[in-house]
Amino acid sequence: MRTIGLIGGMSFESSAVYYRMINEMVRERCGGLSSAELLMHSVNFEDIVAMQKAGDWDGAARRLGDVALKLQIAGAECILICTNTMHLIADRVAARISVPLIHIIDETAASLKAAGRKRPLLLATRYTMEHGFYADRMKNLGVEIVVPEAEDRTVVHDIIFNELCAGKVLDSSRQKLMQIIEREKAKGADSIILGCTEICLILDPDNLPLPGFDTTAIHAQAAVGFSIGNERKQKAA
C-alpha cells in the first residue's frame, strides 16, 4: 500500500469526507480492518480565503507548494489537493514535488467521458466557475462544461462559503440548488458536476434530476487506486 498525501483544511468539512471515503474504500477493497496509509496536512482556511479574495494566487501556490513538499518529505507517494478551487494553481504545486499530483479535474473528466456525458453543469465556487482554469482543462480533455447564470453562480458560491464550509446544511439551500439544476437541465445540461468538495454534504449525486458526478468521491477513488492498485477484498478463509 502506497502512502497518500492530502492537502486539507479547505475546508476541514470536506477534508473529513476525504478521510472517511478513502478509508472506507480501502476497507471495502482489502477487507477486515484495513485502512489507508495516508498523511494529511490541514492548513488554516482563513489564510487561504484571504489570498483568494485578494487574487494572490502566487502566494497560494507558494503556500500549498510548501505543504506538498513537506508531505513528500514525510513519506507521501502521491499528493491530492482536497479542493477544486485550489486546482487553479495545481500545476505550480506539482512543479514543487517529484511524486504524482492526482488532479481532480483530470479524474472527473475521465469519469464523465466514460459515462458518455458531453454537457455537464458545473456547480462550484465562483473562482472555479469563472476563472477559466476548470473549463479550459476540461475542454482540453474533451468535455464542454456549462455554468449557471450570474445570479445563480452567486447563490451557489454563497451557499458553499457561508454555509457548507461552516458546517451548515440547510434544506432551503438544497431547494435553491435543485432549482438551478432544473433550469440548466431545461437548457440542455446532461449531467451535474459537484465541483466543490463540500457540495456532497448537501446534494446526493445519486438523487438528482440528472446523473451526478461527485468530485470528492472521484478524487478519493483515484487516490485509493494509486495506493493499492488492483487489489480486491480478500475472500474469507
Protein backbone atom coordinates (compact mmCIF):
# COMPACT_ATOMS: atom_id res chain seq x y z
CA MET A 1 0.00 0.00 0.00
CA ARG A 2 1.48 3.33 -1.09
CA THR A 3 1.08 6.37 1.17
CA ILE A 4 -1.43 9.05 0.15
CA GLY A 5 -0.69 12.70 0.95
CA LEU A 6 -3.66 15.03 1.46
CA ILE A 7 -3.52 18.83 1.48
CA GLY A 8 -6.64 19.52 3.54
CA GLY A 9 -8.39 22.19 5.54
CA MET A 10 -10.04 23.91 2.57
CA SER A 11 -12.48 23.43 4.26
CA PHE A 12 -11.99 20.89 7.02
CA GLU A 13 -15.62 19.86 6.48
CA SER A 14 -14.74 18.28 3.13
CA SER A 15 -11.33 17.06 4.33
CA ALA A 16 -13.15 14.91 6.86
CA VAL A 17 -15.18 13.44 3.99
CA TYR A 18 -11.98 12.63 2.10
CA TYR A 19 -10.55 10.85 5.14
CA ARG A 20 -13.70 8.81 5.66
CA MET A 21 -14.21 7.93 1.99
CA ILE A 22 -10.61 6.86 1.40
CA ASN A 23 -10.59 4.62 4.45
CA GLU A 24 -13.99 3.13 3.62
CA MET A 25 -12.83 2.34 0.09
CA VAL A 26 -9.63 0.69 1.33
CA ARG A 27 -11.55 -1.40 3.86
CA GLU A 28 -14.05 -2.46 1.19
CA ARG A 29 -11.34 -3.45 -1.27
CA CYS A 30 -8.86 -5.06 1.14
CA GLY A 31 -11.22 -6.48 3.76
CA GLY A 32 -11.02 -6.90 7.52
CA LEU A 33 -9.86 -3.88 9.45
CA SER A 34 -7.81 -2.49 6.58
CA SER A 35 -7.38 1.28 6.46
CA ALA A 36 -5.37 3.69 4.34
CA GLU A 37 -1.74 4.66 4.72
CA LEU A 38 -2.09 8.42 4.49
CA LEU A 39 -0.73 11.73 5.68
CA MET A 40 -2.77 14.93 5.91
CA HIS A 41 -1.56 18.50 6.33
CA SER A 42 -4.55 20.68 7.17
CA VAL A 43 -3.99 24.39 6.50
CA ASN A 44 -5.74 27.38 8.07
CA PHE A 45 -8.52 28.03 5.56
CA GLU A 46 -8.92 31.64 6.72
CA ASP A 47 -5.44 32.37 5.34
CA ILE A 48 -6.25 30.72 2.02
CA VAL A 49 -9.58 32.53 1.68
CA ALA A 50 -7.80 35.85 2.25
CA MET A 51 -5.45 35.01 -0.64
CA GLN A 52 -8.40 34.04 -2.85
CA LYS A 53 -10.22 37.30 -2.17
CA ALA A 54 -7.06 39.31 -2.83
CA GLY A 55 -6.31 37.41 -6.04
CA ASP A 56 -2.97 36.37 -4.53
CA TRP A 57 -2.72 33.10 -6.41
CA ASP A 58 1.09 33.32 -6.39
CA GLY A 59 1.06 33.37 -2.60
CA ALA A 60 -1.39 30.48 -2.53
CA ALA A 61 0.81 28.48 -4.89
CA ARG A 62 3.83 29.04 -2.65
CA ARG A 63 1.85 28.05 0.45
CA LEU A 64 0.40 24.85 -0.96
CA GLY A 65 3.66 24.03 -2.73
CA ASP A 66 5.44 24.17 0.62
CA VAL A 67 2.82 21.86 2.12
CA ALA A 68 3.07 19.39 -0.76
CA LEU A 69 6.84 19.24 -0.38
CA LYS A 70 6.54 18.65 3.36
CA LEU A 71 4.15 15.78 2.72
CA GLN A 72 6.53 14.24 0.21
CA ILE A 73 9.46 14.52 2.62
CA ALA A 74 7.29 12.90 5.30
CA GLY A 75 6.71 9.90 3.02
CA ALA A 76 3.70 10.66 0.81
CA GLU A 77 3.94 8.88 -2.54
CA CYS A 78 1.20 10.94 -4.20
CA ILE A 79 -0.43 14.28 -3.40
CA LEU A 80 -4.06 15.38 -3.52
CA ILE A 81 -5.24 18.97 -3.14
CA CYS A 82 -8.56 18.37 -1.37
CA THR A 83 -10.46 21.19 -3.05
CA ASN A 84 -11.47 22.02 -6.61
CA THR A 85 -10.82 25.76 -6.41
CA MET A 86 -7.15 25.46 -5.49
CA HIS A 87 -6.52 23.37 -8.59
CA LEU A 88 -6.24 26.79 -10.18
CA ILE A 89 -2.62 26.60 -9.01
CA ALA A 90 -2.23 22.81 -9.15
CA ASP A 91 0.41 22.85 -11.87
CA ARG A 92 2.61 25.12 -9.77
CA VAL A 93 2.16 22.86 -6.75
CA ALA A 94 3.01 19.80 -8.85
CA ALA A 95 6.22 21.52 -10.00
CA ARG A 96 7.46 21.59 -6.39
CA ILE A 97 7.35 17.81 -5.92
CA SER A 98 8.64 14.68 -7.63
CA VAL A 99 5.72 12.40 -6.73
CA PRO A 100 2.44 12.41 -8.73
CA LEU A 101 -0.20 15.02 -8.05
CA ILE A 102 -3.57 13.36 -8.65
CA HIS A 103 -5.59 16.06 -10.44
CA ILE A 104 -9.27 16.34 -9.58
CA ILE A 105 -10.25 17.79 -12.96
CA ASP A 106 -8.49 15.05 -14.92
CA GLU A 107 -10.16 12.32 -12.86
CA THR A 108 -13.59 13.95 -13.15
CA ALA A 109 -13.25 14.37 -16.91
CA ALA A 110 -12.35 10.69 -17.25
CA SER A 111 -15.47 9.71 -15.29
CA LEU A 112 -17.71 11.95 -17.41
CA LYS A 113 -16.29 10.61 -20.67
CA ALA A 114 -16.62 7.00 -19.50
CA ALA A 115 -20.31 7.70 -18.83
CA GLY A 116 -20.80 9.37 -22.21
CA ARG A 117 -21.70 12.75 -20.74
CA LYS A 118 -20.97 15.71 -23.02
CA ARG A 119 -22.60 18.77 -21.43
CA PRO A 120 -22.19 18.73 -17.64
CA LEU A 121 -23.33 21.57 -15.42
CA LEU A 122 -20.60 22.72 -13.04
CA LEU A 123 -21.70 23.71 -9.53
CA ALA A 124 -18.76 25.20 -7.68
CA THR A 125 -17.26 28.32 -6.14
CA ARG A 126 -17.22 31.48 -8.20
CA TYR A 127 -13.46 31.06 -8.68
CA THR A 128 -13.92 27.60 -10.17
CA MET A 129 -16.88 28.57 -12.34
CA GLU A 130 -15.50 31.87 -13.61
CA HIS A 131 -11.69 31.81 -13.71
CA GLY A 132 -11.49 29.57 -16.78
CA PHE A 133 -8.95 27.07 -15.49
CA TYR A 134 -11.61 24.39 -14.94
CA ALA A 135 -13.41 24.88 -18.25
CA ASP A 136 -10.15 25.10 -20.20
CA ARG A 137 -8.70 21.92 -18.75
CA MET A 138 -11.99 20.09 -19.21
CA LYS A 139 -12.15 21.25 -22.84
CA ASN A 140 -8.61 20.01 -23.46
CA LEU A 141 -9.76 16.66 -22.08
CA GLY A 142 -12.77 16.55 -24.39
CA VAL A 143 -15.53 17.81 -22.08
CA GLU A 144 -17.51 21.05 -22.58
CA ILE A 145 -18.91 22.27 -19.28
CA VAL A 146 -21.71 24.76 -18.69
CA VAL A 147 -22.14 27.03 -15.67
CA PRO A 148 -25.24 28.68 -14.18
CA GLU A 149 -26.26 32.25 -14.95
CA ALA A 150 -24.51 35.03 -12.98
CA GLU A 151 -27.21 35.35 -10.30
CA ASP A 152 -27.27 31.60 -9.76
CA ARG A 153 -23.48 31.48 -9.59
CA THR A 154 -23.66 33.92 -6.69
CA VAL A 155 -26.21 31.72 -4.94
CA VAL A 156 -24.02 28.62 -5.30
CA HIS A 157 -20.87 30.45 -4.17
CA ASP A 158 -22.59 31.88 -1.10
CA ILE A 159 -24.05 28.53 -0.09
CA ILE A 160 -20.59 26.99 -0.24
CA PHE A 161 -18.67 29.65 1.69
CA ASN A 162 -21.32 30.96 4.09
CA GLU A 163 -22.96 27.63 4.91
CA LEU A 164 -21.25 24.39 3.86
CA CYS A 165 -17.72 25.46 4.81
CA ALA A 166 -19.13 26.48 8.19
CA GLY A 167 -20.86 23.14 8.73
CA LYS A 168 -24.37 24.39 7.93
CA VAL A 169 -26.55 22.20 5.68
CA LEU A 170 -29.92 23.87 5.06
CA ASP A 171 -32.92 22.38 3.30
CA SER A 172 -33.77 25.80 1.88
CA SER A 173 -30.37 25.96 0.17
CA ARG A 174 -30.74 22.42 -1.15
CA GLN A 175 -34.00 23.54 -2.79
CA LYS A 176 -32.24 26.54 -4.37
CA LEU A 177 -29.56 24.27 -5.83
CA MET A 178 -32.19 21.88 -7.18
CA GLN A 179 -33.98 24.79 -8.84
CA ILE A 180 -30.73 25.85 -10.52
CA ILE A 181 -30.21 22.30 -11.75
CA GLU A 182 -33.73 22.18 -13.20
CA ARG A 183 -33.17 25.47 -15.04
CA GLU A 184 -29.94 24.24 -16.58
CA LYS A 185 -31.45 20.84 -17.40
CA ALA A 186 -34.10 22.67 -19.43
CA LYS A 187 -31.29 24.37 -21.37
CA GLY A 188 -29.62 21.06 -22.26
CA ALA A 189 -27.26 20.09 -19.44
CA ASP A 190 -26.91 16.29 -19.41
CA SER A 191 -25.20 15.78 -16.04
CA ILE A 192 -24.07 17.57 -12.87
CA ILE A 193 -20.52 18.06 -11.61
CA LEU A 194 -20.48 18.55 -7.85
CA GLY A 195 -17.46 20.75 -8.45
CA CYS A 196 -16.82 21.82 -4.89
CA THR A 197 -15.72 19.21 -2.38
CA GLU A 198 -18.36 20.43 0.10
CA ILE A 199 -21.37 20.09 -2.23
CA CYS A 200 -21.65 16.37 -1.47
CA LEU A 201 -22.69 17.47 2.03
CA ILE A 202 -25.93 18.92 0.65
CA LEU A 203 -26.58 17.10 -2.64
CA ASP A 204 -26.66 13.34 -3.15
CA PRO A 205 -25.21 12.65 -6.62
CA ASP A 206 -27.50 9.60 -6.93
CA ASN A 207 -30.65 11.60 -6.19
CA LEU A 208 -30.58 14.41 -8.75
CA PRO A 209 -32.64 15.18 -11.88
CA LEU A 210 -29.51 14.38 -13.93
CA PRO A 211 -26.60 11.98 -13.37
CA GLY A 212 -24.34 13.40 -10.67
CA PHE A 213 -20.55 13.25 -10.53
CA ASP A 214 -19.17 13.91 -7.04
CA THR A 215 -15.63 15.21 -7.44
CA THR A 216 -14.79 14.36 -3.82
CA ALA A 217 -15.65 10.69 -4.30
CA ILE A 218 -13.98 10.55 -7.72
CA HIS A 219 -10.78 12.08 -6.31
CA ALA A 220 -10.77 9.76 -3.29
CA GLN A 221 -11.28 6.73 -5.52
CA ALA A 222 -8.33 7.77 -7.68
CA ALA A 223 -6.15 8.05 -4.58
CA VAL A 224 -7.13 4.57 -3.44
CA GLY A 225 -6.47 3.17 -6.90
CA PHE A 226 -2.99 4.69 -6.81
CA SER A 227 -2.36 3.36 -3.31
CA ILE A 228 -3.46 -0.25 -3.68
CA GLY A 229 -3.73 -0.78 -7.43
CA ASN A 230 -5.92 -3.70 -8.42
CA GLU A 231 -6.13 -5.35 -5.03
CA ARG A 232 -9.58 -6.60 -4.14
CA LYS A 233 -11.28 -7.64 -0.98
CA GLN A 234 -9.84 -10.95 0.14
CA LYS A 235 -12.18 -13.90 0.44
CA ALA A 236 -12.76 -15.23 3.94
CA ALA A 237 -10.78 -18.36 4.69
